[in-house]
């Protein structure tokens, strides 16, 4: 499962948006602190973000894929190919993760 420690978020993606191209906001850097993977705001983003985001290995993998524009369907396929698990659950988790990133401005 993907881990994103945030407040309660409303879903942002609609059914027709699954083929949408998305790309990460580069005002966040990945930092490894102990056994945790953190997304830390940098530059002007520090003023708009309260704290940091904790990712697991799957979340980090998605973040790395989002360095360039990606189709959401392709993201789901990439995660399913890399990680073992129930395909339906993986696809749902990817959509939820992308929803959360959109809501808090981590995706352009």
C-alpha atoms as a PDB file:
ATOM      1  CA  UNK A   1       0.000   0.000   0.000  1.00  0.00           C
ATOM      2  CA  UNK A   2       1.056   3.580  -0.588  1.00  0.00           C
ATOM      3  CA  UNK A   3       1.617   5.735   2.450  1.00  0.00           C
ATOM      4  CA  UNK A   4       0.977   9.455   2.452  1.00  0.00           C
ATOM      5  CA  UNK A   5       0.563  11.035   5.896  1.00  0.00           C
ATOM      6  CA  UNK A   6      -1.812  13.920   5.358  1.00  0.00           C
ATOM      7  CA  UNK A   7      -5.104  15.308   6.529  1.00  0.00           C
ATOM      8  CA  UNK A   8      -8.426  14.053   5.114  1.00  0.00           C
ATOM      9  CA  UNK A   9      -8.536  14.883   1.403  1.00  0.00           C
ATOM     10  CA  UNK A  10     -11.338  15.029  -1.131  1.00  0.00           C
ATOM     11  CA  UNK A  11     -10.925  13.060  -4.353  1.00  0.00           C
ATOM     12  CA  UNK A  12      -9.727  15.224  -7.249  1.00  0.00           C
ATOM     13  CA  UNK A  13      -9.607  12.881 -10.251  1.00  0.00           C
ATOM     14  CA  UNK A  14     -12.756  12.224 -12.186  1.00  0.00           C
ATOM     15  CA  UNK A  15     -13.356   9.020 -14.164  1.00  0.00           C
ATOM     16  CA  UNK A  16     -12.430  10.743 -17.436  1.00  0.00           C
ATOM     17  CA  UNK A  17      -9.090  11.954 -16.049  1.00  0.00           C
ATOM     18  CA  UNK A  18      -7.379   8.565 -15.814  1.00  0.00           C
ATOM     19  CA  UNK A  19      -5.511   9.192 -19.097  1.00  0.00           C
ATOM     20  CA  UNK A  20      -4.479  12.674 -17.964  1.00  0.00           C
ATOM     21  CA  UNK A  21      -0.796  13.605 -18.125  1.00  0.00           C
ATOM     22  CA  UNK A  22       0.689  14.534 -14.771  1.00  0.00           C
ATOM     23  CA  UNK A  23       4.114  15.721 -13.620  1.00  0.00           C
ATOM     24  CA  UNK A  24       5.531  16.398 -10.178  1.00  0.00           C
ATOM     25  CA  UNK A  25       6.097  19.836  -8.719  1.00  0.00           C
ATOM     26  CA  UNK A  26       9.881  20.193  -8.523  1.00  0.00           C
ATOM     27  CA  UNK A  27       9.652  22.427  -5.454  1.00  0.00           C
ATOM     28  CA  UNK A  28       9.959  19.284  -3.320  1.00  0.00           C
ATOM     29  CA  UNK A  29      13.070  17.220  -2.686  1.00  0.00           C
ATOM     30  CA  UNK A  30      13.373  13.636  -1.495  1.00  0.00           C
ATOM     31  CA  UNK A  31      15.334  13.249   1.732  1.00  0.00           C
ATOM     32  CA  UNK A  32      16.167   9.962   3.427  1.00  0.00           C
ATOM     33  CA  UNK A  33      16.150  10.454   7.197  1.00  0.00           C
ATOM     34  CA  UNK A  34      16.854   7.258   9.083  1.00  0.00           C
ATOM     35  CA  UNK A  35      14.474   4.689   7.669  1.00  0.00           C
ATOM     36  CA  UNK A  36      11.971   7.315   6.468  1.00  0.00           C
ATOM     37  CA  UNK A  37      11.583   8.784   2.984  1.00  0.00           C
ATOM     38  CA  UNK A  38      10.478  12.407   3.145  1.00  0.00           C
ATOM     39  CA  UNK A  39       9.320  14.944   0.560  1.00  0.00           C
ATOM     40  CA  UNK A  40      10.530  18.310   1.781  1.00  0.00           C
ATOM     41  CA  UNK A  41       9.393  21.639   0.320  1.00  0.00           C
ATOM     42  CA  UNK A  42      12.080  23.992  -1.003  1.00  0.00           C
ATOM     43  CA  UNK A  43      12.127  27.595  -2.151  1.00  0.00           C
ATOM     44  CA  UNK A  44       8.853  29.486  -2.099  1.00  0.00           C
ATOM     45  CA  UNK A  45       6.959  26.216  -1.541  1.00  0.00           C
ATOM     46  CA  UNK A  46       8.098  26.273   2.115  1.00  0.00           C
ATOM     47  CA  UNK A  47       5.633  29.109   2.760  1.00  0.00           C
ATOM     48  CA  UNK A  48       2.704  27.100   1.363  1.00  0.00           C
ATOM     49  CA  UNK A  49       3.438  23.701   2.860  1.00  0.00           C
ATOM     50  CA  UNK A  50       3.098  22.954   6.536  1.00  0.00           C
ATOM     51  CA  UNK A  51       5.625  20.205   7.227  1.00  0.00           C
ATOM     52  CA  UNK A  52       6.710  17.311   5.053  1.00  0.00           C
ATOM     53  CA  UNK A  53       5.285  14.197   3.431  1.00  0.00           C
ATOM     54  CA  UNK A  54       6.322  10.657   4.335  1.00  0.00           C
ATOM     55  CA  UNK A  55       6.510   8.121   1.509  1.00  0.00           C
ATOM     56  CA  UNK A  56       7.098   4.396   1.397  1.00  0.00           C
ATOM     57  CA  UNK A  57       9.033   2.582  -1.339  1.00  0.00           C
ATOM     58  CA  UNK A  58       6.031   2.537  -3.687  1.00  0.00           C
ATOM     59  CA  UNK A  59       5.341   6.241  -3.173  1.00  0.00           C
ATOM     60  CA  UNK A  60       9.001   7.009  -3.875  1.00  0.00           C
ATOM     61  CA  UNK A  61       8.852   4.912  -7.052  1.00  0.00           C
ATOM     62  CA  UNK A  62       5.816   6.889  -8.242  1.00  0.00           C
ATOM     63  CA  UNK A  63       7.470  10.198  -7.326  1.00  0.00           C
ATOM     64  CA  UNK A  64      10.508   9.250  -9.406  1.00  0.00           C
ATOM     65  CA  UNK A  65       8.292   8.302 -12.374  1.00  0.00           C
ATOM     66  CA  UNK A  66       6.580  11.687 -12.101  1.00  0.00           C
ATOM     67  CA  UNK A  67       9.851  13.489 -12.899  1.00  0.00           C
ATOM     68  CA  UNK A  68       8.603  13.614 -16.486  1.00  0.00           C
ATOM     69  CA  UNK A  69       5.029  13.842 -17.716  1.00  0.00           C
ATOM     70  CA  UNK A  70       3.221  10.547 -17.221  1.00  0.00           C
ATOM     71  CA  UNK A  71      -0.130   9.146 -18.187  1.00  0.00           C
ATOM     72  CA  UNK A  72      -2.002   7.943 -15.081  1.00  0.00           C
ATOM     73  CA  UNK A  73      -2.827   4.623 -16.749  1.00  0.00           C
ATOM     74  CA  UNK A  74       0.899   4.118 -17.469  1.00  0.00           C
ATOM     75  CA  UNK A  75       1.718   4.859 -13.819  1.00  0.00           C
ATOM     76  CA  UNK A  76      -0.705   2.150 -12.702  1.00  0.00           C
ATOM     77  CA  UNK A  77       0.856  -0.334 -15.127  1.00  0.00           C
ATOM     78  CA  UNK A  78       4.410   0.521 -14.028  1.00  0.00           C
ATOM     79  CA  UNK A  79       3.593   0.035 -10.347  1.00  0.00           C
ATOM     80  CA  UNK A  80       1.776  -3.244 -11.041  1.00  0.00           C
ATOM     81  CA  UNK A  81       4.788  -4.542 -12.986  1.00  0.00           C
ATOM     82  CA  UNK A  82       7.287  -3.579 -10.270  1.00  0.00           C
ATOM     83  CA  UNK A  83       5.391  -4.598  -7.135  1.00  0.00           C
ATOM     84  CA  UNK A  84       3.516  -7.786  -6.345  1.00  0.00           C
ATOM     85  CA  UNK A  85      -0.051  -7.451  -5.220  1.00  0.00           C
ATOM     86  CA  UNK A  86      -3.670  -7.397  -6.201  1.00  0.00           C
ATOM     87  CA  UNK A  87      -3.966  -5.447  -9.474  1.00  0.00           C
ATOM     88  CA  UNK A  88      -7.269  -3.831  -8.496  1.00  0.00           C
ATOM     89  CA  UNK A  89      -5.852  -2.645  -5.171  1.00  0.00           C
ATOM     90  CA  UNK A  90      -2.670  -1.348  -6.811  1.00  0.00           C
ATOM     91  CA  UNK A  91      -4.663   0.633  -9.366  1.00  0.00           C
ATOM     92  CA  UNK A  92      -6.909   2.079  -6.650  1.00  0.00           C
ATOM     93  CA  UNK A  93      -3.892   3.017  -4.502  1.00  0.00           C
ATOM     94  CA  UNK A  94      -2.165   4.767  -7.408  1.00  0.00           C
ATOM     95  CA  UNK A  95      -5.292   6.823  -8.134  1.00  0.00           C
ATOM     96  CA  UNK A  96      -5.651   7.752  -4.443  1.00  0.00           C
ATOM     97  CA  UNK A  97      -1.986   8.736  -4.271  1.00  0.00           C
ATOM     98  CA  UNK A  98      -2.244  10.911  -7.391  1.00  0.00           C
ATOM     99  CA  UNK A  99      -5.462  12.454  -6.031  1.00  0.00           C
ATOM    100  CA  UNK A 100      -3.664  13.391  -2.827  1.00  0.00           C
ATOM    101  CA  UNK A 101      -0.688  14.863  -4.677  1.00  0.00           C
ATOM    102  CA  UNK A 102      -2.997  16.963  -6.860  1.00  0.00           C
ATOM    103  CA  UNK A 103      -4.944  18.220  -3.859  1.00  0.00           C
ATOM    104  CA  UNK A 104      -1.861  19.505  -2.061  1.00  0.00           C
ATOM    105  CA  UNK A 105      -0.154  20.888  -5.164  1.00  0.00           C
ATOM    106  CA  UNK A 106       2.609  18.336  -5.623  1.00  0.00           C
ATOM    107  CA  UNK A 107       1.520  17.631  -9.188  1.00  0.00           C
ATOM    108  CA  UNK A 108       1.402  20.247 -11.939  1.00  0.00           C
END
